[in-house]
Amino acid sequence: MGSAVLAACSSIDCPYNNTVYSQYVLMKGGGLKPDTLTDTLTILTTRRDGQDTIIYNKGVKTKSFSLPMSYTRDQDALFLQLKDTLGNVVHDTIKVNKTNTPHFESVDCPMSYFHTITAVSTSHHGIDSIILVNPNVTYDTSSPHFRIYFKSGH
């Protein structure tokens, strides 16, 4: 007697990396055109265990960058360090408030989180202002979420 073997496979392609990233574009002045930051940029955040961790290290001639967002915290705090060529350092803090929504592609794929940004604030040592452009953080990286305007001299 013969037996039948059934094989099933999923037609869903799981994202290779299921972490979503917020997109930042660096600006100077009041324009809408990205500009190159002349200072060296390092960005830290605090992990769940309270320890600091570097998430962007010593970016030089930076125009834009992408940062992961926490999965379930309602607020992410980013600690920026700007270091000029003379060694002068300026620190700023960006706080991003958000809601977190679990996202499933299929049962074969790991869960990820999408985010809706509800507010953003910053200190003003080297940063003049930050503008929320797109509040929806998903796998789509084609549009920036934030524009950061720096004071002159950076």
C-alpha atoms as a PDB file:
ATOM      1  CA  MET A   1       0.000   0.000   0.000  1.00  0.00           C
ATOM      2  CA  GLY A   2       1.339   3.411  -0.906  1.00  0.00           C
ATOM      3  CA  SER A   3       1.417   6.390   1.358  1.00  0.00           C
ATOM      4  CA  ALA A   4       1.084   9.996   0.445  1.00  0.00           C
ATOM      5  CA  VAL A   5       3.417  12.623   1.743  1.00  0.00           C
ATOM      6  CA  LEU A   6       2.197  16.164   1.828  1.00  0.00           C
ATOM      7  CA  ALA A   7       4.637  19.001   1.930  1.00  0.00           C
ATOM      8  CA  ALA A   8       3.693  22.541   2.669  1.00  0.00           C
ATOM      9  CA  CYS A   9       5.669  25.634   2.161  1.00  0.00           C
ATOM     10  CA  SER A  10       4.964  29.241   2.789  1.00  0.00           C
ATOM     11  CA  SER A  11       4.702  31.697  -0.072  1.00  0.00           C
ATOM     12  CA  ILE A  12       5.509  34.583   2.291  1.00  0.00           C
ATOM     13  CA  ASP A  13       9.079  35.848   2.229  1.00  0.00           C
ATOM     14  CA  CYS A  14      10.016  36.895   5.733  1.00  0.00           C
ATOM     15  CA  PRO A  15      12.044  40.099   6.018  1.00  0.00           C
ATOM     16  CA  TYR A  16      15.723  39.249   6.409  1.00  0.00           C
ATOM     17  CA  ASN A  17      16.039  41.767   9.221  1.00  0.00           C
ATOM     18  CA  ASN A  18      12.766  42.454  10.987  1.00  0.00           C
ATOM     19  CA  THR A  19      13.998  45.488  12.928  1.00  0.00           C
ATOM     20  CA  VAL A  20      12.445  48.744  11.772  1.00  0.00           C
ATOM     21  CA  TYR A  21      14.583  51.863  11.610  1.00  0.00           C
ATOM     22  CA  SER A  22      13.772  55.538  12.012  1.00  0.00           C
ATOM     23  CA  GLN A  23      15.347  57.739   9.342  1.00  0.00           C
ATOM     24  CA  TYR A  24      17.017  61.058  10.217  1.00  0.00           C
ATOM     25  CA  VAL A  25      18.112  63.717   7.714  1.00  0.00           C
ATOM     26  CA  LEU A  26      20.532  66.429   8.854  1.00  0.00           C
ATOM     27  CA  MET A  27      19.786  70.006   7.869  1.00  0.00           C
ATOM     28  CA  LYS A  28      21.271  73.467   8.284  1.00  0.00           C
ATOM     29  CA  GLY A  29      19.450  76.766   8.146  1.00  0.00           C
ATOM     30  CA  GLY A  30      15.786  76.933   7.253  1.00  0.00           C
ATOM     31  CA  GLY A  31      16.025  75.033   3.979  1.00  0.00           C
ATOM     32  CA  LEU A  32      14.634  71.683   2.911  1.00  0.00           C
ATOM     33  CA  LYS A  33      17.856  70.413   1.347  1.00  0.00           C
ATOM     34  CA  PRO A  34      20.002  67.995   3.398  1.00  0.00           C
ATOM     35  CA  ASP A  35      23.388  69.264   4.484  1.00  0.00           C
ATOM     36  CA  THR A  36      26.602  67.592   5.581  1.00  0.00           C
ATOM     37  CA  LEU A  37      27.412  67.719   9.277  1.00  0.00           C
ATOM     38  CA  THR A  38      31.055  68.761   9.681  1.00  0.00           C
ATOM     39  CA  ASP A  39      31.366  67.505  13.275  1.00  0.00           C
ATOM     40  CA  THR A  40      31.892  63.871  14.241  1.00  0.00           C
ATOM     41  CA  LEU A  41      28.595  62.393  15.459  1.00  0.00           C
ATOM     42  CA  THR A  42      28.158  59.622  18.026  1.00  0.00           C
ATOM     43  CA  ILE A  43      24.728  58.552  19.321  1.00  0.00           C
ATOM     44  CA  LEU A  44      24.011  56.541  22.446  1.00  0.00           C
ATOM     45  CA  THR A  45      20.823  55.217  24.013  1.00  0.00           C
ATOM     46  CA  THR A  46      19.958  53.400  27.222  1.00  0.00           C
ATOM     47  CA  ARG A  47      19.200  49.694  27.101  1.00  0.00           C
ATOM     48  CA  ARG A  48      16.467  48.064  29.146  1.00  0.00           C
ATOM     49  CA  ASP A  49      19.020  47.104  31.821  1.00  0.00           C
ATOM     50  CA  GLY A  50      19.972  50.776  32.268  1.00  0.00           C
ATOM     51  CA  GLN A  51      23.362  50.536  30.549  1.00  0.00           C
ATOM     52  CA  ASP A  52      24.341  52.970  27.789  1.00  0.00           C
ATOM     53  CA  THR A  53      25.046  51.568  24.355  1.00  0.00           C
ATOM     54  CA  ILE A  54      26.408  53.208  21.210  1.00  0.00           C
ATOM     55  CA  ILE A  55      24.015  52.892  18.269  1.00  0.00           C
ATOM     56  CA  TYR A  56      25.856  55.224  15.862  1.00  0.00           C
ATOM     57  CA  ASN A  57      29.617  55.540  16.228  1.00  0.00           C
ATOM     58  CA  LYS A  58      31.779  58.438  15.037  1.00  0.00           C
ATOM     59  CA  GLY A  59      29.951  59.343  11.847  1.00  0.00           C
ATOM     60  CA  VAL A  60      31.985  61.828   9.794  1.00  0.00           C
ATOM     61  CA  LYS A  61      30.543  64.055   7.042  1.00  0.00           C
ATOM     62  CA  THR A  62      27.108  62.680   7.857  1.00  0.00           C
ATOM     63  CA  LYS A  63      24.017  63.699   5.850  1.00  0.00           C
ATOM     64  CA  SER A  64      21.580  61.125   7.209  1.00  0.00           C
ATOM     65  CA  PHE A  65      21.424  58.048   9.398  1.00  0.00           C
ATOM     66  CA  SER A  66      19.057  55.259  10.441  1.00  0.00           C
ATOM     67  CA  LEU A  67      18.521  54.133  14.025  1.00  0.00           C
ATOM     68  CA  PRO A  68      16.636  51.166  15.452  1.00  0.00           C
ATOM     69  CA  MET A  69      13.738  51.896  17.784  1.00  0.00           C
ATOM     70  CA  SER A  70      13.005  50.077  21.022  1.00  0.00           C
ATOM     71  CA  TYR A  71      10.338  47.425  20.638  1.00  0.00           C
ATOM     72  CA  THR A  72       8.032  48.223  23.535  1.00  0.00           C
ATOM     73  CA  ARG A  73       9.115  51.402  25.311  1.00  0.00           C
ATOM     74  CA  ASP A  74       6.806  54.395  24.965  1.00  0.00           C
ATOM     75  CA  GLN A  75       9.782  56.767  24.763  1.00  0.00           C
ATOM     76  CA  ASP A  76      13.255  56.431  23.265  1.00  0.00           C
ATOM     77  CA  ALA A  77      16.004  58.783  24.433  1.00  0.00           C
ATOM     78  CA  LEU A  78      18.944  59.449  22.117  1.00  0.00           C
ATOM     79  CA  PHE A  79      22.093  61.075  23.459  1.00  0.00           C
ATOM     80  CA  LEU A  80      24.031  62.864  20.711  1.00  0.00           C
ATOM     81  CA  GLN A  81      27.678  63.844  20.982  1.00  0.00           C
ATOM     82  CA  LEU A  82      29.057  66.327  18.441  1.00  0.00           C
ATOM     83  CA  LYS A  83      32.837  66.664  18.372  1.00  0.00           C
ATOM     84  CA  ASP A  84      34.499  69.293  16.184  1.00  0.00           C
ATOM     85  CA  THR A  85      38.009  69.142  14.686  1.00  0.00           C
ATOM     86  CA  LEU A  86      39.439  71.050  17.677  1.00  0.00           C
ATOM     87  CA  GLY A  87      38.096  68.456  20.126  1.00  0.00           C
ATOM     88  CA  ASN A  88      35.250  70.610  21.468  1.00  0.00           C
ATOM     89  CA  VAL A  89      32.251  68.465  22.429  1.00  0.00           C
ATOM     90  CA  VAL A  90      28.567  69.415  22.525  1.00  0.00           C
ATOM     91  CA  HIS A  91      25.870  67.085  23.882  1.00  0.00           C
ATOM     92  CA  ASP A  92      22.182  67.028  22.969  1.00  0.00           C
ATOM     93  CA  THR A  93      19.293  64.735  23.874  1.00  0.00           C
ATOM     94  CA  ILE A  94      16.426  63.794  21.576  1.00  0.00           C
ATOM     95  CA  LYS A  95      13.311  62.193  23.091  1.00  0.00           C
ATOM     96  CA  VAL A  96      10.919  60.340  20.799  1.00  0.00           C
ATOM     97  CA  ASN A  97       7.473  59.398  22.160  1.00  0.00           C
ATOM     98  CA  LYS A  98       5.703  56.624  20.275  1.00  0.00           C
ATOM     99  CA  THR A  99       3.129  53.878  20.271  1.00  0.00           C
ATOM    100  CA  ASN A 100       4.215  50.332  19.451  1.00  0.00           C
ATOM    101  CA  THR A 101       2.140  47.934  17.355  1.00  0.00           C
ATOM    102  CA  PRO A 102       3.061  44.239  16.954  1.00  0.00           C
ATOM    103  CA  HIS A 103       3.349  43.292  13.275  1.00  0.00           C
ATOM    104  CA  PHE A 104       3.051  39.766  11.860  1.00  0.00           C
ATOM    105  CA  GLU A 105       3.895  38.797   8.269  1.00  0.00           C
ATOM    106  CA  SER A 106       2.905  35.156   8.784  1.00  0.00           C
ATOM    107  CA  VAL A 107       3.236  32.400  11.366  1.00  0.00           C
ATOM    108  CA  ASP A 108       6.531  31.456   9.698  1.00  0.00           C
ATOM    109  CA  CYS A 109       8.085  34.873  10.366  1.00  0.00           C
ATOM    110  CA  PRO A 110       9.228  36.395  13.648  1.00  0.00           C
ATOM    111  CA  MET A 111       7.141  39.229  15.053  1.00  0.00           C
ATOM    112  CA  SER A 112       8.342  42.793  14.655  1.00  0.00           C
ATOM    113  CA  TYR A 113       7.018  46.112  15.921  1.00  0.00           C
ATOM    114  CA  PHE A 114       5.861  49.086  13.898  1.00  0.00           C
ATOM    115  CA  HIS A 115       5.714  52.484  15.593  1.00  0.00           C
ATOM    116  CA  THR A 116       3.694  55.677  15.400  1.00  0.00           C
ATOM    117  CA  ILE A 117       5.640  58.695  16.611  1.00  0.00           C
ATOM    118  CA  THR A 118       3.440  60.934  18.747  1.00  0.00           C
ATOM    119  CA  ALA A 119       5.950  63.616  19.811  1.00  0.00           C
ATOM    120  CA  VAL A 120       9.612  64.572  19.580  1.00  0.00           C
ATOM    121  CA  SER A 121      11.671  67.005  21.656  1.00  0.00           C
ATOM    122  CA  THR A 122      15.311  67.995  21.905  1.00  0.00           C
ATOM    123  CA  SER A 123      17.755  69.981  23.984  1.00  0.00           C
ATOM    124  CA  HIS A 124      19.299  72.930  22.146  1.00  0.00           C
ATOM    125  CA  HIS A 125      23.065  72.908  22.637  1.00  0.00           C
ATOM    126  CA  GLY A 126      24.061  71.999  19.068  1.00  0.00           C
ATOM    127  CA  ILE A 127      20.604  71.253  17.681  1.00  0.00           C
ATOM    128  CA  ASP A 128      18.423  74.186  16.715  1.00  0.00           C
ATOM    129  CA  SER A 129      15.264  72.139  16.125  1.00  0.00           C
ATOM    130  CA  ILE A 130      13.907  68.765  15.077  1.00  0.00           C
ATOM    131  CA  ILE A 131      10.880  68.337  12.819  1.00  0.00           C
ATOM    132  CA  LEU A 132       8.699  65.237  12.607  1.00  0.00           C
ATOM    133  CA  VAL A 133       8.142  64.557   8.888  1.00  0.00           C
ATOM    134  CA  ASN A 134       6.612  61.069   8.855  1.00  0.00           C
ATOM    135  CA  PRO A 135       5.180  59.580  12.078  1.00  0.00           C
ATOM    136  CA  ASN A 136       4.851  55.988  10.770  1.00  0.00           C
ATOM    137  CA  VAL A 137       7.904  53.774  11.250  1.00  0.00           C
ATOM    138  CA  THR A 138       7.611  50.532   9.271  1.00  0.00           C
ATOM    139  CA  TYR A 139       9.851  48.582   6.894  1.00  0.00           C
ATOM    140  CA  ASP A 140       9.536  51.483   4.421  1.00  0.00           C
ATOM    141  CA  THR A 141      12.796  53.464   4.519  1.00  0.00           C
ATOM    142  CA  SER A 142      12.119  55.632   1.462  1.00  0.00           C
ATOM    143  CA  SER A 143      11.008  58.679   3.455  1.00  0.00           C
ATOM    144  CA  PRO A 144      12.747  60.344   6.420  1.00  0.00           C
ATOM    145  CA  HIS A 145      10.945  60.448   9.739  1.00  0.00           C
ATOM    146  CA  PHE A 146      12.865  63.420  11.147  1.00  0.00           C
ATOM    147  CA  ARG A 147      14.750  66.495   9.980  1.00  0.00           C
ATOM    148  CA  ILE A 148      17.357  67.712  12.448  1.00  0.00           C
ATOM    149  CA  TYR A 149      18.409  71.347  12.052  1.00  0.00           C
ATOM    150  CA  PHE A 150      21.789  72.150  13.602  1.00  0.00           C
ATOM    151  CA  LYS A 151      23.001  75.526  14.764  1.00  0.00           C
ATOM    152  CA  SER A 152      25.705  77.185  12.675  1.00  0.00           C
ATOM    153  CA  GLY A 153      29.207  75.975  13.411  1.00  0.00           C
ATOM    154  CA  HIS A 154      28.336  72.285  13.261  1.00  0.00           C
END
